[in-house]
All heavy atoms as atom14 arrays in JSON, in Angstrom:
{
  "sequence": "AILILKRGNISLCNRKALDLFMRSHKEMGGAAPLD",
  "atom14_mask": [
    [1, 1, 1, 1, 1, 0, 0, 0, 0, 0, 0, 0, 0, 0],
    [1, 1, 1, 1, 1, 1, 1, 1, 0, 0, 0, 0, 0, 0],
    [1, 1, 1, 1, 1, 1, 1, 1, 0, 0, 0, 0, 0, 0],
    [1, 1, 1, 1, 1, 1, 1, 1, 0, 0, 0, 0, 0, 0],
    [1, 1, 1, 1, 1, 1, 1, 1, 0, 0, 0, 0, 0, 0],
    [1, 1, 1, 1, 1, 1, 1, 1, 1, 0, 0, 0, 0, 0],
    [1, 1, 1, 1, 1, 1, 1, 1, 1, 1, 1, 0, 0, 0],
    [1, 1, 1, 1, 0, 0, 0, 0, 0, 0, 0, 0, 0, 0],
    [1, 1, 1, 1, 1, 1, 1, 1, 0, 0, 0, 0, 0, 0],
    [1, 1, 1, 1, 1, 1, 1, 1, 0, 0, 0, 0, 0, 0],
    [1, 1, 1, 1, 1, 1, 0, 0, 0, 0, 0, 0, 0, 0],
    [1, 1, 1, 1, 1, 1, 1, 1, 0, 0, 0, 0, 0, 0],
    [1, 1, 1, 1, 1, 1, 0, 0, 0, 0, 0, 0, 0, 0],
    [1, 1, 1, 1, 1, 1, 1, 1, 0, 0, 0, 0, 0, 0],
    [1, 1, 1, 1, 1, 1, 1, 1, 1, 1, 1, 0, 0, 0],
    [1, 1, 1, 1, 1, 1, 1, 1, 1, 0, 0, 0, 0, 0],
    [1, 1, 1, 1, 1, 0, 0, 0, 0, 0, 0, 0, 0, 0],
    [1, 1, 1, 1, 1, 1, 1, 1, 0, 0, 0, 0, 0, 0],
    [1, 1, 1, 1, 1, 1, 1, 1, 0, 0, 0, 0, 0, 0],
    [1, 1, 1, 1, 1, 1, 1, 1, 0, 0, 0, 0, 0, 0],
    [1, 1, 1, 1, 1, 1, 1, 1, 1, 1, 1, 0, 0, 0],
    [1, 1, 1, 1, 1, 1, 1, 1, 0, 0, 0, 0, 0, 0],
    [1, 1, 1, 1, 1, 1, 1, 1, 1, 1, 1, 0, 0, 0],
    [1, 1, 1, 1, 1, 1, 0, 0, 0, 0, 0, 0, 0, 0],
    [1, 1, 1, 1, 1, 1, 1, 1, 1, 1, 0, 0, 0, 0],
    [1, 1, 1, 1, 1, 1, 1, 1, 1, 0, 0, 0, 0, 0],
    [1, 1, 1, 1, 1, 1, 1, 1, 1, 0, 0, 0, 0, 0],
    [1, 1, 1, 1, 1, 1, 1, 1, 0, 0, 0, 0, 0, 0],
    [1, 1, 1, 1, 0, 0, 0, 0, 0, 0, 0, 0, 0, 0],
    [1, 1, 1, 1, 0, 0, 0, 0, 0, 0, 0, 0, 0, 0],
    [1, 1, 1, 1, 1, 0, 0, 0, 0, 0, 0, 0, 0, 0],
    [1, 1, 1, 1, 1, 0, 0, 0, 0, 0, 0, 0, 0, 0],
    [1, 1, 1, 1, 1, 1, 1, 0, 0, 0, 0, 0, 0, 0],
    [1, 1, 1, 1, 1, 1, 1, 1, 0, 0, 0, 0, 0, 0],
    [1, 1, 1, 1, 1, 1, 1, 1, 0, 0, 0, 0, 0, 0]
  ],
  "atom14_positions": [
    [[1.85, -24.28, 35.19], [0.82, -24.93, 34.38], [0.54, -24.1, 33.18], [0.33, -22.86, 33.27], [-0.43, -25.16, 35.23], [0.0, 0.0, 0.0], [0.0, 0.0, 0.0], [0.0, 0.0, 0.0], [0.0, 0.0, 0.0], [0.0, 0.0, 0.0], [0.0, 0.0, 0.0], [0.0, 0.0, 0.0], [0.0, 0.0, 0.0], [0.0, 0.0, 0.0]],
    [[0.45, -24.77, 32.04], [0.18, -24.06, 30.78], [-1.07, -24.68, 30.12], [-1.1, -25.91, 29.94], [1.34, -24.05, 29.79], [2.57, -23.45, 30.46], [0.98, -23.34, 28.49], [3.82, -23.5, 29.56], [0.0, 0.0, 0.0], [0.0, 0.0, 0.0], [0.0, 0.0, 0.0], [0.0, 0.0, 0.0], [0.0, 0.0, 0.0], [0.0, 0.0, 0.0]],
    [[-2.08, -23.84, 29.83], [-3.29, -24.35, 29.17], [-3.47, -23.59, 27.83], [-3.27, -22.36, 27.77], [-4.49, -24.04, 30.06], [-4.45, -24.48, 31.49], [-5.73, -24.0, 32.26], [-4.36, -26.01, 31.61], [0.0, 0.0, 0.0], [0.0, 0.0, 0.0], [0.0, 0.0, 0.0], [0.0, 0.0, 0.0], [0.0, 0.0, 0.0], [0.0, 0.0, 0.0]],
    [[-3.81, -24.34, 26.79], [-4.17, -23.71, 25.5], [-5.66, -23.81, 25.35], [-6.22, -24.89, 25.41], [-3.45, -24.42, 24.29], [-1.93, -24.44, 24.45], [-3.84, -23.75, 23.0], [-1.3, -23.1, 24.55], [0.0, 0.0, 0.0], [0.0, 0.0, 0.0], [0.0, 0.0, 0.0], [0.0, 0.0, 0.0], [0.0, 0.0, 0.0], [0.0, 0.0, 0.0]],
    [[-6.32, -22.65, 25.29], [-7.77, -22.6, 25.19], [-8.21, -22.32, 23.76], [-7.75, -21.36, 23.14], [-8.33, -21.5, 26.12], [-7.88, -21.57, 27.59], [-8.47, -20.36, 28.35], [-8.33, -22.9, 28.21], [0.0, 0.0, 0.0], [0.0, 0.0, 0.0], [0.0, 0.0, 0.0], [0.0, 0.0, 0.0], [0.0, 0.0, 0.0], [0.0, 0.0, 0.0]],
    [[-9.1, -23.21, 23.32], [-9.63, -23.09, 21.94], [-11.11, -23.06, 22.06], [-11.74, -24.0, 22.57], [-9.13, -24.23, 21.03], [-9.45, -24.06, 19.59], [-8.78, -25.19, 18.81], [-9.03, -25.03, 17.32], [-8.37, -26.14, 16.52], [0.0, 0.0, 0.0], [0.0, 0.0, 0.0], [0.0, 0.0, 0.0], [0.0, 0.0, 0.0], [0.0, 0.0, 0.0]],
    [[-11.7, -21.9, 21.62], [-13.18, -21.73, 21.71], [-13.64, -21.92, 23.21], [-14.68, -22.45, 23.5], [-13.93, -22.67, 20.81], [-13.61, -22.45, 19.32], [-14.42, -23.36, 18.44], [-13.95, -23.27, 17.08], [-12.98, -23.94, 16.53], [-12.38, -24.88, 17.28], [-12.62, -23.83, 15.27], [0.0, 0.0, 0.0], [0.0, 0.0, 0.0], [0.0, 0.0, 0.0]],
    [[-12.82, -21.5, 24.08], [-13.14, -21.45, 25.52], [-12.88, -22.73, 26.29], [-13.07, -22.79, 27.46], [0.0, 0.0, 0.0], [0.0, 0.0, 0.0], [0.0, 0.0, 0.0], [0.0, 0.0, 0.0], [0.0, 0.0, 0.0], [0.0, 0.0, 0.0], [0.0, 0.0, 0.0], [0.0, 0.0, 0.0], [0.0, 0.0, 0.0], [0.0, 0.0, 0.0]],
    [[-12.39, -23.76, 25.56], [-12.09, -25.06, 26.17], [-10.6, -25.38, 26.1], [-9.95, -24.91, 25.19], [-12.96, -26.16, 25.59], [-14.46, -26.0, 25.79], [-14.83, -25.5, 26.85], [-15.28, -26.35, 24.83], [0.0, 0.0, 0.0], [0.0, 0.0, 0.0], [0.0, 0.0, 0.0], [0.0, 0.0, 0.0], [0.0, 0.0, 0.0], [0.0, 0.0, 0.0]],
    [[-10.18, -26.24, 26.99], [-8.77, -26.62, 27.02], [-8.51, -27.62, 25.88], [-9.1, -28.73, 25.82], [-8.4, -27.26, 28.36], [-8.62, -26.26, 29.5], [-6.97, -27.74, 28.34], [-8.51, -26.83, 30.88], [0.0, 0.0, 0.0], [0.0, 0.0, 0.0], [0.0, 0.0, 0.0], [0.0, 0.0, 0.0], [0.0, 0.0, 0.0], [0.0, 0.0, 0.0]],
    [[-7.65, -27.25, 24.94], [-7.3, -28.14, 23.84], [-5.9, -28.8, 24.11], [-5.65, -29.88, 23.53], [-7.23, -27.38, 22.51], [-6.22, -26.37, 22.54], [0.0, 0.0, 0.0], [0.0, 0.0, 0.0], [0.0, 0.0, 0.0], [0.0, 0.0, 0.0], [0.0, 0.0, 0.0], [0.0, 0.0, 0.0], [0.0, 0.0, 0.0], [0.0, 0.0, 0.0]],
    [[-5.08, -28.21, 24.96], [-3.78, -28.81, 25.21], [-3.3, -28.26, 26.58], [-3.64, -27.11, 26.98], [-2.77, -28.31, 24.13], [-1.4, -28.94, 24.12], [-1.49, -30.44, 23.86], [-0.51, -28.27, 23.09], [0.0, 0.0, 0.0], [0.0, 0.0, 0.0], [0.0, 0.0, 0.0], [0.0, 0.0, 0.0], [0.0, 0.0, 0.0], [0.0, 0.0, 0.0]],
    [[-2.6, -29.08, 27.31], [-2.03, -28.68, 28.63], [-0.78, -29.46, 28.86], [-0.52, -30.51, 28.26], [-3.02, -28.92, 29.73], [-3.39, -30.62, 30.08], [0.0, 0.0, 0.0], [0.0, 0.0, 0.0], [0.0, 0.0, 0.0], [0.0, 0.0, 0.0], [0.0, 0.0, 0.0], [0.0, 0.0, 0.0], [0.0, 0.0, 0.0], [0.0, 0.0, 0.0]],
    [[0.09, -28.92, 29.74], [1.34, -29.59, 30.03], [1.28, -30.45, 31.3], [0.21, -30.51, 31.97], [2.48, -28.55, 30.16], [2.29, -27.62, 31.33], [1.27, -27.55, 31.95], [3.36, -26.84, 31.61], [0.0, 0.0, 0.0], [0.0, 0.0, 0.0], [0.0, 0.0, 0.0], [0.0, 0.0, 0.0], [0.0, 0.0, 0.0], [0.0, 0.0, 0.0]],
    [[2.42, -31.07, 31.66], [2.41, -31.99, 32.76], [2.12, -31.24, 34.1], [1.49, -31.77, 35.01], [3.81, -32.64, 32.86], [4.15, -33.51, 31.71], [5.47, -34.25, 31.88], [5.83, -34.99, 30.72], [6.87, -35.73, 30.63], [7.72, -35.83, 31.64], [7.17, -36.41, 29.49], [0.0, 0.0, 0.0], [0.0, 0.0, 0.0], [0.0, 0.0, 0.0]],
    [[2.69, -30.04, 34.22], [2.47, -29.22, 35.45], [0.98, -29.0, 35.68], [0.49, -29.02, 36.88], [3.26, -27.93, 35.37], [3.22, -27.12, 36.65], [4.04, -27.85, 37.71], [4.13, -27.01, 38.99], [4.96, -27.66, 40.03], [0.0, 0.0, 0.0], [0.0, 0.0, 0.0], [0.0, 0.0, 0.0], [0.0, 0.0, 0.0], [0.0, 0.0, 0.0]],
    [[0.25, -28.83, 34.62], [-1.19, -28.58, 34.75], [-1.91, -29.86, 35.32], [-2.8, -29.75, 36.14], [-1.8, -28.19, 33.42], [0.0, 0.0, 0.0], [0.0, 0.0, 0.0], [0.0, 0.0, 0.0], [0.0, 0.0, 0.0], [0.0, 0.0, 0.0], [0.0, 0.0, 0.0], [0.0, 0.0, 0.0], [0.0, 0.0, 0.0], [0.0, 0.0, 0.0]],
    [[-1.45, -30.98, 34.8], [-2.03, -32.26, 35.31], [-1.7, -32.4, 36.83], [-2.61, -32.82, 37.56], [-1.45, -33.46, 34.55], [-1.61, -33.39, 33.07], [-1.03, -34.7, 32.4], [-3.08, -33.31, 32.62], [0.0, 0.0, 0.0], [0.0, 0.0, 0.0], [0.0, 0.0, 0.0], [0.0, 0.0, 0.0], [0.0, 0.0, 0.0], [0.0, 0.0, 0.0]],
    [[-0.48, -32.04, 37.23], [-0.14, -32.16, 38.6], [-0.93, -31.2, 39.47], [-1.41, -31.45, 40.57], [1.38, -31.92, 38.82], [2.17, -33.02, 38.13], [1.64, -34.13, 37.9], [3.34, -32.76, 37.86], [0.0, 0.0, 0.0], [0.0, 0.0, 0.0], [0.0, 0.0, 0.0], [0.0, 0.0, 0.0], [0.0, 0.0, 0.0], [0.0, 0.0, 0.0]],
    [[-1.04, -29.92, 38.91], [-1.68, -28.86, 39.69], [-3.19, -29.19, 39.96], [-3.66, -29.04, 41.07], [-1.58, -27.54, 38.97], [-2.22, -26.34, 39.62], [-1.54, -26.05, 40.97], [-2.18, -25.13, 38.71], [0.0, 0.0, 0.0], [0.0, 0.0, 0.0], [0.0, 0.0, 0.0], [0.0, 0.0, 0.0], [0.0, 0.0, 0.0], [0.0, 0.0, 0.0]],
    [[-3.88, -29.67, 38.9], [-5.32, -29.93, 39.03], [-5.59, -31.35, 39.43], [-6.79, -31.73, 39.58], [-5.96, -29.53, 37.7], [-5.95, -28.09, 37.38], [-5.08, -27.64, 36.44], [-6.69, -27.17, 38.08], [-5.03, -26.26, 36.09], [-6.63, -25.84, 37.81], [-5.8, -25.41, 36.78], [0.0, 0.0, 0.0], [0.0, 0.0, 0.0], [0.0, 0.0, 0.0]],
    [[-4.53, -32.23, 39.51], [-4.71, -33.64, 39.87], [-5.67, -34.33, 38.92], [-6.56, -35.11, 39.38], [-5.24, -33.72, 41.31], [-4.29, -33.21, 42.38], [-5.01, -33.37, 44.03], [-3.67, -32.72, 44.99], [0.0, 0.0, 0.0], [0.0, 0.0, 0.0], [0.0, 0.0, 0.0], [0.0, 0.0, 0.0], [0.0, 0.0, 0.0], [0.0, 0.0, 0.0]],
    [[-5.48, -34.09, 37.62], [-6.33, -34.69, 36.6], [-5.5, -35.28, 35.54], [-4.33, -34.94, 35.32], [-7.31, -33.64, 36.05], [-8.46, -33.29, 37.0], [-9.26, -32.12, 36.42], [-10.56, -31.94, 37.13], [-10.67, -31.2, 38.22], [-9.62, -30.63, 38.74], [-11.84, -31.08, 38.86], [0.0, 0.0, 0.0], [0.0, 0.0, 0.0], [0.0, 0.0, 0.0]],
    [[-6.09, -36.15, 34.72], [-5.41, -36.8, 33.57], [-5.6, -35.94, 32.31], [-6.45, -35.03, 32.31], [-5.98, -38.18, 33.37], [-7.35, -38.12, 32.93], [0.0, 0.0, 0.0], [0.0, 0.0, 0.0], [0.0, 0.0, 0.0], [0.0, 0.0, 0.0], [0.0, 0.0, 0.0], [0.0, 0.0, 0.0], [0.0, 0.0, 0.0], [0.0, 0.0, 0.0]],
    [[-4.89, -36.27, 31.26], [-5.04, -35.59, 29.98], [-6.49, -35.71, 29.44], [-7.06, -34.75, 28.94], [-4.09, -36.22, 28.93], [-2.73, -35.54, 28.95], [-2.52, -34.24, 28.54], [-1.51, -36.01, 29.25], [-1.21, -33.93, 28.66], [-0.58, -35.04, 29.09], [0.0, 0.0, 0.0], [0.0, 0.0, 0.0], [0.0, 0.0, 0.0], [0.0, 0.0, 0.0]],
    [[-7.06, -36.89, 29.66], [-8.42, -37.12, 29.24], [-9.42, -36.26, 29.99], [-10.35, -35.7, 29.39], [-8.76, -38.63, 29.41], [-10.15, -38.98, 28.91], [-10.41, -40.48, 29.03], [-11.76, -40.86, 28.48], [-12.06, -42.28, 28.68], [0.0, 0.0, 0.0], [0.0, 0.0, 0.0], [0.0, 0.0, 0.0], [0.0, 0.0, 0.0], [0.0, 0.0, 0.0]],
    [[-9.18, -36.1, 31.3], [-10.06, -35.26, 32.08], [-9.89, -33.8, 31.78], [-10.88, -33.03, 31.84], [-9.83, -35.5, 33.58], [-10.24, -36.91, 34.04], [-9.77, -37.23, 35.46], [-8.6, -36.85, 35.75], [-10.55, -37.79, 36.24], [0.0, 0.0, 0.0], [0.0, 0.0, 0.0], [0.0, 0.0, 0.0], [0.0, 0.0, 0.0], [0.0, 0.0, 0.0]],
    [[-8.67, -33.34, 31.41], [-8.43, -31.96, 31.12], [-8.92, -31.58, 29.73], [-9.34, -30.45, 29.5], [-6.96, -31.63, 31.32], [-6.45, -31.74, 32.71], [-7.05, -30.39, 33.76], [-6.12, -29.03, 33.16], [0.0, 0.0, 0.0], [0.0, 0.0, 0.0], [0.0, 0.0, 0.0], [0.0, 0.0, 0.0], [0.0, 0.0, 0.0], [0.0, 0.0, 0.0]],
    [[-8.75, -32.5, 28.79], [-9.08, -32.17, 27.38], [-10.51, -31.85, 27.24], [-11.42, -32.6, 27.63], [0.0, 0.0, 0.0], [0.0, 0.0, 0.0], [0.0, 0.0, 0.0], [0.0, 0.0, 0.0], [0.0, 0.0, 0.0], [0.0, 0.0, 0.0], [0.0, 0.0, 0.0], [0.0, 0.0, 0.0], [0.0, 0.0, 0.0], [0.0, 0.0, 0.0]],
    [[-10.88, -30.71, 26.65], [-12.21, -30.27, 26.41], [-12.88, -29.62, 27.54], [-14.0, -29.07, 27.42], [0.0, 0.0, 0.0], [0.0, 0.0, 0.0], [0.0, 0.0, 0.0], [0.0, 0.0, 0.0], [0.0, 0.0, 0.0], [0.0, 0.0, 0.0], [0.0, 0.0, 0.0], [0.0, 0.0, 0.0], [0.0, 0.0, 0.0], [0.0, 0.0, 0.0]],
    [[-12.26, -29.6, 28.74], [-12.83, -28.97, 29.89], [-12.7, -27.46, 29.85], [-11.76, -26.97, 29.16], [-12.17, -29.45, 31.16], [0.0, 0.0, 0.0], [0.0, 0.0, 0.0], [0.0, 0.0, 0.0], [0.0, 0.0, 0.0], [0.0, 0.0, 0.0], [0.0, 0.0, 0.0], [0.0, 0.0, 0.0], [0.0, 0.0, 0.0], [0.0, 0.0, 0.0]],
    [[-13.64, -26.73, 30.38], [-13.57, -25.29, 30.42], [-12.97, -24.83, 31.74], [-13.08, -25.55, 32.74], [-14.98, -24.64, 30.29], [0.0, 0.0, 0.0], [0.0, 0.0, 0.0], [0.0, 0.0, 0.0], [0.0, 0.0, 0.0], [0.0, 0.0, 0.0], [0.0, 0.0, 0.0], [0.0, 0.0, 0.0], [0.0, 0.0, 0.0], [0.0, 0.0, 0.0]],
    [[-12.26, -23.7, 31.8], [-11.72, -23.29, 33.07], [-12.74, -23.16, 34.2], [-12.44, -23.4, 35.39], [-11.11, -21.84, 32.7], [-10.77, -21.96, 31.29], [-11.86, -22.86, 30.72], [0.0, 0.0, 0.0], [0.0, 0.0, 0.0], [0.0, 0.0, 0.0], [0.0, 0.0, 0.0], [0.0, 0.0, 0.0], [0.0, 0.0, 0.0], [0.0, 0.0, 0.0]],
    [[-13.98, -22.85, 33.83], [-15.03, -22.8, 34.88], [-15.33, -24.14, 35.48], [-15.77, -24.23, 36.63], [-16.32, -22.19, 34.28], [-16.34, -20.7, 34.06], [-17.62, -20.23, 33.41], [-16.16, -19.98, 35.41], [0.0, 0.0, 0.0], [0.0, 0.0, 0.0], [0.0, 0.0, 0.0], [0.0, 0.0, 0.0], [0.0, 0.0, 0.0], [0.0, 0.0, 0.0]],
    [[-15.04, -25.26, 34.7], [-15.24, -26.57, 35.24], [-14.26, -26.84, 36.36], [-14.45, -27.77, 37.14], [-15.1, -27.63, 34.11], [-16.12, -27.47, 33.05], [-17.24, -26.95, 33.31], [-15.85, -27.85, 31.87], [0.0, 0.0, 0.0], [0.0, 0.0, 0.0], [0.0, 0.0, 0.0], [0.0, 0.0, 0.0], [0.0, 0.0, 0.0], [0.0, 0.0, 0.0]]
  ]
}
């Protein structure tokens, strides 16, 4: 899973990240790792 963090939030992620966290692009976008 690859996450690009901008100002502490996820600005971009790959497919493996979606599979790993069981979330959609919309759910991952803007989320913080602490979420």
